[in-house]
């Protein structure tokens, strides 16, 4: 009994009171201390009482789980967070084989979505609390990492640039919207700043790769690519029923479609998948992201964070939404406007000013989720 009282695992294990009383009253028992390494700290305990019992004792009394220690059980396994029963002899092979699962809170039958007790990890309040705490800790660490004085200054500069873009819409060179098509639909605008800019910056190999990926994502193919599905989820397409490689005009238009959707709230967490047709390798994704940043004047950081606080992220999102609303209002009013937001200092600089983009590309690859 003194040996049990002195054992830190027994003291911490979530044993029911009835089981703890039984263990204190049992004089003839064997205990095995479990360690991950020979000289490492104790991480588990296996308790085996000698002799037979007719009574049943409550081992774990939990709102979601009830375990009992019956005459058919010979061993009790314990960690600081889990207890369980097992059959077997004094050698306790079964109880020992379950110990790694108890320590890792994994399902002994191998189901990755279930915990040690067979509960769905996604639905368990206990696991939900653990996930939320882990996510909050991760987010706080990210916020701390981007809260240096130079980070705050960089974002203040970009916020001023977004406010300036709103003030300057529309440009005096943008006229009335194109005449509707013969079917009464609004014709596509010829104002395609970002689509043209990104396309012109692509290398010949990158253009060839985009062309190949557009063919593979064509809706008339028997085996559709993942890019086709990703685009289709948001109403975009690389074309349907076309013969041969896409034209340069079609590639520029698709890039403009992507640039327009980039500032949509639904794009959060989807951008990597949506641009996979332009990304030849993982190492090339940063360059493609940067081209969209340069053309639009809006960084990934402003769109998806992380920033120093939730309030700062909401302020940035409000500024971008204001640009979206102004563009949509101009379209409704019959004005010709580009569908994707533009970097005004790049395409329509004030006379006598130089192109200065202090934040472009400095935060490429920021998390979107």
Protein backbone atom coordinates (compact mmCIF):
# COMPACT_ATOMS: atom_id res chain seq x y z
CA UNK A 1 0.00 0.00 0.00
CA UNK A 2 2.81 2.37 0.86
CA UNK A 3 4.39 1.46 -2.46
CA UNK A 4 1.25 2.58 -4.31
CA UNK A 5 0.92 5.80 -2.35
CA UNK A 6 4.49 6.67 -3.25
CA UNK A 7 4.00 6.05 -6.95
CA UNK A 8 3.37 9.31 -8.93
CA UNK A 9 1.43 7.53 -11.69
CA UNK A 10 -0.99 5.93 -9.22
CA UNK A 11 -1.52 9.27 -7.50
CA UNK A 12 -2.30 11.06 -10.78
CA UNK A 13 -4.25 8.36 -12.65
CA UNK A 14 -8.01 9.05 -13.04
CA UNK A 15 -9.08 6.02 -10.99
CA UNK A 16 -12.62 5.82 -9.64
CA UNK A 17 -12.86 6.00 -5.85
CA UNK A 18 -14.18 2.44 -5.61
CA UNK A 19 -11.18 1.09 -7.50
CA UNK A 20 -8.72 3.15 -5.52
CA UNK A 21 -10.20 1.75 -2.28
CA UNK A 22 -9.86 -1.82 -3.59
CA UNK A 23 -6.24 -1.29 -4.49
CA UNK A 24 -5.48 0.11 -1.04
CA UNK A 25 -7.15 -2.90 0.65
CA UNK A 26 -5.41 -5.51 -1.50
CA UNK A 27 -2.31 -6.79 0.20
CA UNK A 28 -1.18 -9.37 -2.33
CA UNK A 29 -0.41 -7.72 -5.69
CA UNK A 30 2.34 -7.13 -8.25
CA UNK A 31 3.23 -3.81 -9.89
CA UNK A 32 5.29 -3.11 -12.97
CA UNK A 33 6.62 0.37 -13.62
CA UNK A 34 6.66 1.31 -17.31
CA UNK A 35 9.37 3.53 -18.79
CA UNK A 36 10.08 4.50 -22.37
CA UNK A 37 13.79 3.89 -21.88
CA UNK A 38 15.71 1.93 -19.28
CA UNK A 39 16.82 4.98 -17.34
CA UNK A 40 13.96 7.27 -18.32
CA UNK A 41 11.19 8.59 -16.09
CA UNK A 42 8.22 6.41 -15.25
CA UNK A 43 5.30 6.96 -17.63
CA UNK A 44 2.95 4.11 -16.73
CA UNK A 45 2.03 1.51 -14.12
CA UNK A 46 0.49 -1.98 -14.39
CA UNK A 47 -1.20 -3.41 -11.29
CA UNK A 48 -2.01 -7.11 -10.94
CA UNK A 49 -3.76 -8.45 -7.82
CA UNK A 50 -3.13 -12.09 -6.90
CA UNK A 51 -6.11 -14.39 -6.57
CA UNK A 52 -9.64 -14.38 -7.93
CA UNK A 53 -12.53 -11.97 -7.25
CA UNK A 54 -16.25 -12.34 -7.65
CA UNK A 55 -17.14 -8.67 -7.25
CA UNK A 56 -17.12 -5.99 -9.94
CA UNK A 57 -15.51 -2.63 -9.22
CA UNK A 58 -15.84 0.67 -11.08
CA UNK A 59 -12.47 1.50 -12.62
CA UNK A 60 -13.33 4.75 -14.41
CA UNK A 61 -16.41 6.84 -13.74
CA UNK A 62 -16.58 9.48 -16.49
CA UNK A 63 -19.55 11.33 -18.07
CA UNK A 64 -18.78 9.66 -21.40
CA UNK A 65 -17.05 6.44 -20.32
CA UNK A 66 -17.63 3.81 -17.65
CA UNK A 67 -15.08 1.02 -17.16
CA UNK A 68 -15.32 -1.86 -14.72
CA UNK A 69 -12.78 -4.26 -13.19
CA UNK A 70 -14.42 -7.71 -13.19
CA UNK A 71 -13.38 -11.24 -12.30
CA UNK A 72 -12.35 -11.73 -15.93
CA UNK A 73 -9.69 -9.04 -15.71
CA UNK A 74 -6.26 -9.60 -14.25
CA UNK A 75 -4.46 -6.29 -14.88
CA UNK A 76 -5.06 -2.57 -14.57
CA UNK A 77 -2.96 -0.24 -16.70
CA UNK A 78 -2.48 3.39 -15.71
CA UNK A 79 -0.99 6.60 -17.05
CA UNK A 80 -1.52 10.10 -15.69
CA UNK A 81 -4.51 10.54 -18.05
CA UNK A 82 -5.78 7.04 -18.86
CA UNK A 83 -6.74 3.82 -17.04
CA UNK A 84 -7.77 0.52 -18.59
CA UNK A 85 -8.21 -3.20 -17.86
CA UNK A 86 -6.76 -6.27 -19.55
CA UNK A 87 -6.66 -10.01 -19.13
CA UNK A 88 -3.49 -12.03 -19.13
CA UNK A 89 -1.21 -13.65 -16.61
CA UNK A 90 1.28 -12.23 -14.18
CA UNK A 91 3.47 -11.36 -17.14
CA UNK A 92 0.83 -8.80 -18.22
CA UNK A 93 1.70 -8.90 -21.91
CA UNK A 94 -1.73 -7.65 -23.00
CA UNK A 95 -1.72 -4.75 -20.56
CA UNK A 96 1.79 -3.81 -21.64
CA UNK A 97 0.86 -3.90 -25.34
CA UNK A 98 -1.92 -1.36 -24.67
CA UNK A 99 0.35 1.04 -22.81
CA UNK A 100 1.74 2.86 -25.92
CA UNK A 101 -1.81 3.56 -27.07
CA UNK A 102 -2.76 4.89 -23.65
CA UNK A 103 0.30 7.15 -23.61
CA UNK A 104 -0.36 8.45 -27.15
CA UNK A 105 -4.16 8.49 -26.75
CA UNK A 106 -4.50 6.43 -29.93
CA UNK A 107 -7.07 3.81 -30.81
CA UNK A 108 -5.71 0.26 -30.18
CA UNK A 109 -7.53 -0.90 -33.34
CA UNK A 110 -5.70 1.63 -35.48
CA UNK A 111 -8.46 4.14 -36.27
CA UNK A 112 -6.69 7.53 -36.58
CA UNK A 113 -9.91 9.50 -35.91
CA UNK A 114 -10.56 7.80 -32.56
CA UNK A 115 -8.91 8.15 -29.19
CA UNK A 116 -7.79 5.42 -26.78
CA UNK A 117 -11.35 4.85 -25.57
CA UNK A 118 -12.78 4.69 -29.10
CA UNK A 119 -14.32 8.16 -29.05
CA UNK A 120 -14.38 10.30 -32.17
CA UNK A 121 -11.65 12.90 -31.66
CA UNK A 122 -13.55 15.48 -33.72
CA UNK A 123 -16.61 15.27 -31.48
CA UNK A 124 -15.06 14.78 -28.07
CA UNK A 125 -15.25 17.97 -25.96
CA UNK A 126 -11.97 16.97 -24.35
CA UNK A 127 -10.15 16.71 -27.65
CA UNK A 128 -11.86 19.80 -29.00
CA UNK A 129 -10.53 21.75 -26.03
CA UNK A 130 -7.05 20.37 -26.62
CA UNK A 131 -7.19 21.31 -30.31
CA UNK A 132 -8.42 24.81 -29.52
CA UNK A 133 -5.69 25.34 -26.94
CA UNK A 134 -3.05 24.08 -29.37
CA UNK A 135 -4.37 26.30 -32.16
CA UNK A 136 -4.48 29.35 -29.89
CA UNK A 137 -0.91 28.75 -28.79
CA UNK A 138 0.22 28.40 -32.40
CA UNK A 139 -1.61 31.58 -33.42
CA UNK A 140 -0.15 33.57 -30.53
CA UNK A 141 3.35 32.43 -31.51
CA UNK A 142 2.71 33.52 -35.10
CA UNK A 143 1.38 36.91 -34.00
CA UNK A 144 4.43 37.44 -31.80
CA UNK A 145 6.77 36.59 -34.67
CA UNK A 146 5.26 39.32 -36.91
CA UNK A 147 4.99 42.06 -34.29
CA UNK A 148 8.43 43.61 -34.63
CA UNK A 149 8.53 47.40 -35.23
CA UNK A 150 9.51 46.87 -38.87
CA UNK A 151 6.53 44.52 -39.33
CA UNK A 152 4.10 47.07 -37.93
CA UNK A 153 5.57 49.80 -40.12
CA UNK A 154 5.33 47.59 -43.22
CA UNK A 155 1.65 46.95 -42.65
CA UNK A 156 0.91 50.63 -41.94
CA UNK A 157 2.44 51.51 -45.30
CA UNK A 158 0.30 48.94 -47.06
CA UNK A 159 -2.86 50.11 -45.28
CA UNK A 160 -2.19 53.62 -46.58
CA UNK A 161 -1.74 52.18 -50.06
CA UNK A 162 -5.13 50.42 -49.83
CA UNK A 163 -6.80 53.64 -48.69
CA UNK A 164 -5.20 55.50 -51.59
CA UNK A 165 -6.42 52.87 -54.05
CA UNK A 166 -9.99 53.37 -52.81
CA UNK A 167 -9.70 57.14 -53.18
CA UNK A 168 -8.39 56.88 -56.76
CA UNK A 169 -11.07 54.54 -58.14
CA UNK A 170 -12.05 54.96 -60.95
CA UNK A 171 -9.19 56.21 -63.12
CA UNK A 172 -9.99 58.94 -65.63
CA UNK A 173 -8.93 56.68 -68.51
CA UNK A 174 -11.62 54.12 -67.69
CA UNK A 175 -14.63 54.83 -69.83
CA UNK A 176 -18.03 53.25 -70.08
CA UNK A 177 -18.52 49.51 -69.93
CA UNK A 178 -18.33 47.56 -73.21
CA UNK A 179 -21.57 47.06 -75.08
CA UNK A 180 -23.51 43.94 -74.03
CA UNK A 181 -23.11 40.85 -76.15
CA UNK A 182 -25.81 39.67 -78.53
CA UNK A 183 -27.21 37.57 -75.68
CA UNK A 184 -27.54 40.61 -73.42
CA UNK A 185 -24.65 39.66 -71.19
CA UNK A 186 -22.06 42.19 -70.11
CA UNK A 187 -18.95 41.80 -72.25
CA UNK A 188 -15.59 41.22 -70.60
CA UNK A 189 -13.62 44.39 -69.97
CA UNK A 190 -10.36 44.93 -71.84
CA UNK A 191 -8.88 46.36 -68.63
CA UNK A 192 -6.77 43.41 -67.56
CA UNK A 193 -3.85 44.86 -65.63
CA UNK A 194 -2.99 41.94 -63.34
CA UNK A 195 -3.66 39.17 -65.84
CA UNK A 196 -1.39 40.83 -68.39
CA UNK A 197 1.27 41.74 -65.84
CA UNK A 198 1.58 38.24 -64.37
CA UNK A 199 1.56 36.59 -67.79
CA UNK A 200 4.29 38.90 -69.10
CA UNK A 201 6.49 38.08 -66.10
CA UNK A 202 6.23 34.33 -66.64
CA UNK A 203 9.19 32.60 -68.24
CA UNK A 204 8.76 30.58 -71.42
CA UNK A 205 8.91 27.37 -69.37
CA UNK A 206 6.26 28.69 -66.96
CA UNK A 207 3.97 29.63 -69.85
CA UNK A 208 4.40 26.19 -71.40
CA UNK A 209 3.60 24.59 -68.06
CA UNK A 210 0.47 26.73 -67.67
CA UNK A 211 -0.63 25.76 -71.18
CA UNK A 212 -0.20 22.05 -70.44
CA UNK A 213 -2.05 22.32 -67.13
CA UNK A 214 -4.96 24.17 -68.78
CA UNK A 215 -5.30 21.31 -71.28
CA UNK A 216 -5.27 18.73 -68.48
CA UNK A 217 -7.92 20.73 -66.58
CA UNK A 218 -10.22 21.04 -69.59
CA UNK A 219 -13.76 20.05 -68.69
CA UNK A 220 -14.18 17.79 -71.73
CA UNK A 221 -11.44 15.36 -70.72
CA UNK A 222 -12.33 11.92 -69.41
CA UNK A 223 -9.90 12.14 -66.48
CA UNK A 224 -10.14 15.58 -64.88
CA UNK A 225 -7.22 17.01 -62.94
CA UNK A 226 -7.31 18.24 -59.35
CA UNK A 227 -6.82 21.78 -60.66
CA UNK A 228 -10.03 21.45 -62.68
CA UNK A 229 -11.90 20.49 -59.51
CA UNK A 230 -10.32 23.31 -57.50
CA UNK A 231 -11.27 25.93 -60.09
CA UNK A 232 -14.73 24.46 -60.62
CA UNK A 233 -15.53 24.73 -56.91
CA UNK A 234 -15.59 28.52 -57.38
CA UNK A 235 -17.05 28.82 -60.85
CA UNK A 236 -13.80 29.07 -62.81
CA UNK A 237 -12.67 27.01 -65.75
CA UNK A 238 -9.72 26.66 -68.12
CA UNK A 239 -12.09 26.23 -71.06
CA UNK A 240 -14.33 23.47 -72.32
CA UNK A 241 -14.19 21.59 -75.59
CA UNK A 242 -11.27 23.53 -77.02
CA UNK A 243 -8.94 21.82 -79.44
CA UNK A 244 -5.20 22.07 -79.00
CA UNK A 245 -3.31 24.34 -76.64
CA UNK A 246 -4.99 27.41 -75.12
CA UNK A 247 -4.29 30.76 -76.71
CA UNK A 248 -2.31 33.52 -75.05
CA UNK A 249 -5.55 35.47 -74.64
CA UNK A 250 -7.13 32.55 -72.77
CA UNK A 251 -4.15 32.25 -70.44
CA UNK A 252 -4.18 35.97 -69.64
CA UNK A 253 -7.93 35.84 -68.99
CA UNK A 254 -7.63 32.88 -66.62
CA UNK A 255 -4.90 34.66 -64.64
CA UNK A 256 -7.18 37.69 -64.36
CA UNK A 257 -9.97 35.41 -63.09
CA UNK A 258 -7.62 34.12 -60.40
CA UNK A 259 -6.52 37.62 -59.46
CA UNK A 260 -10.15 38.73 -59.12
CA UNK A 261 -11.07 35.80 -56.88
CA UNK A 262 -7.95 36.28 -54.73
CA UNK A 263 -9.64 39.09 -52.76
CA UNK A 264 -12.85 37.11 -52.27
CA UNK A 265 -13.42 35.90 -48.71
CA UNK A 266 -13.92 32.37 -50.04
CA UNK A 267 -10.33 32.27 -51.27
CA UNK A 268 -8.97 31.92 -47.74
CA UNK A 269 -7.21 28.58 -47.49
CA UNK A 270 -7.68 27.86 -51.22
CA UNK A 271 -5.03 29.97 -52.92
CA UNK A 272 -2.31 27.31 -53.15
CA UNK A 273 -4.72 24.93 -54.87
CA UNK A 274 -6.07 27.60 -57.22
CA UNK A 275 -2.65 28.59 -58.55
CA UNK A 276 -1.26 25.07 -58.90
CA UNK A 277 -1.55 25.34 -62.67
CA UNK A 278 1.11 28.07 -62.58
CA UNK A 279 3.38 26.48 -59.99
CA UNK A 280 5.89 24.13 -61.63
CA UNK A 281 7.39 23.03 -58.30
CA UNK A 282 6.93 23.85 -54.59
CA UNK A 283 10.03 26.04 -54.75
CA UNK A 284 8.33 28.15 -57.43
CA UNK A 285 5.17 28.94 -55.48
CA UNK A 286 6.70 31.94 -53.73
CA UNK A 287 7.55 33.58 -57.05
CA UNK A 288 4.00 33.10 -58.42
CA UNK A 289 2.47 34.49 -55.23
CA UNK A 290 4.78 37.49 -55.43
CA UNK A 291 3.70 38.27 -59.01
CA UNK A 292 0.06 38.49 -57.92
CA UNK A 293 1.11 40.69 -54.99
CA UNK A 294 3.01 43.04 -57.30
CA UNK A 295 0.19 43.29 -59.83
CA UNK A 296 -2.57 43.87 -57.28
CA UNK A 297 -0.69 45.89 -54.65
CA UNK A 298 -2.17 43.59 -52.00
CA UNK A 299 0.05 41.13 -50.14
CA UNK A 300 -0.88 37.69 -48.90
CA UNK A 301 -0.28 39.02 -45.41
CA UNK A 302 -3.02 41.64 -45.79
CA UNK A 303 -5.43 39.05 -47.14
CA UNK A 304 -4.85 36.17 -44.73
CA UNK A 305 -2.47 37.27 -41.95
CA UNK A 306 -1.20 36.56 -39.47
CA UNK A 307 -0.90 40.04 -37.99
CA UNK A 308 -0.24 41.37 -34.53
CA UNK A 309 -3.89 41.10 -33.47
CA UNK A 310 -7.32 40.01 -34.61
CA UNK A 311 -8.34 43.68 -34.77
CA UNK A 312 -5.53 44.43 -37.24
CA UNK A 313 -6.64 41.54 -39.45
CA UNK A 314 -10.25 42.78 -39.40
CA UNK A 315 -9.10 46.30 -40.34
CA UNK A 316 -7.20 44.94 -43.34
CA UNK A 317 -10.14 42.77 -44.39
CA UNK A 318 -12.48 45.78 -44.17
CA UNK A 319 -10.15 47.84 -46.38
CA UNK A 320 -10.10 45.11 -49.04
CA UNK A 321 -13.88 44.65 -48.83
CA UNK A 322 -14.26 48.39 -49.39
CA UNK A 323 -12.29 48.02 -52.64
CA UNK A 324 -14.51 45.11 -53.69
CA UNK A 325 -17.66 47.11 -52.98
CA UNK A 326 -16.39 50.16 -54.89
CA UNK A 327 -15.55 48.01 -57.93
CA UNK A 328 -18.96 46.34 -57.87
CA UNK A 329 -20.74 49.67 -57.52
CA UNK A 330 -18.87 51.05 -60.53
CA UNK A 331 -19.80 48.00 -62.57
CA UNK A 332 -23.46 48.43 -61.60
CA UNK A 333 -23.21 52.08 -62.65
CA UNK A 334 -22.05 51.06 -66.13
CA UNK A 335 -18.39 51.98 -65.76
CA UNK A 336 -15.53 50.00 -67.26
CA UNK A 337 -13.29 48.79 -64.44
CA UNK A 338 -10.71 46.01 -64.11
CA UNK A 339 -12.08 42.95 -62.31
CA UNK A 340 -8.90 42.45 -60.28
CA UNK A 341 -7.61 45.22 -58.03
CA UNK A 342 -4.44 46.89 -59.23
CA UNK A 343 -1.33 48.43 -57.79
CA UNK A 344 -1.98 52.05 -58.65
CA UNK A 345 1.58 53.16 -58.11
CA UNK A 346 2.73 50.61 -60.68
CA UNK A 347 0.15 51.18 -63.41
CA UNK A 348 -1.00 54.78 -62.79
CA UNK A 349 1.73 56.53 -60.78
CA UNK A 350 1.44 60.18 -59.88
CA UNK A 351 3.64 62.36 -62.13
CA UNK A 352 7.18 62.60 -60.83
CA UNK A 353 6.89 59.67 -58.43
CA UNK A 354 8.94 56.49 -58.45
CA UNK A 355 7.70 52.96 -58.08
CA UNK A 356 8.29 51.96 -54.45
CA UNK A 357 6.83 48.77 -53.12
CA UNK A 358 8.39 48.22 -49.68
CA UNK A 359 6.15 45.31 -48.71
CA UNK A 360 5.85 43.27 -51.90
CA UNK A 361 7.10 39.73 -51.54
CA UNK A 362 8.25 40.08 -47.95
CA UNK A 363 5.51 37.86 -46.60
CA UNK A 364 5.01 35.37 -49.39
CA UNK A 365 3.61 32.08 -48.23
CA UNK A 366 1.75 33.36 -45.18
CA UNK A 367 -0.80 30.87 -43.80
CA UNK A 368 -4.26 31.18 -45.34
CA UNK A 369 -6.14 29.08 -42.85
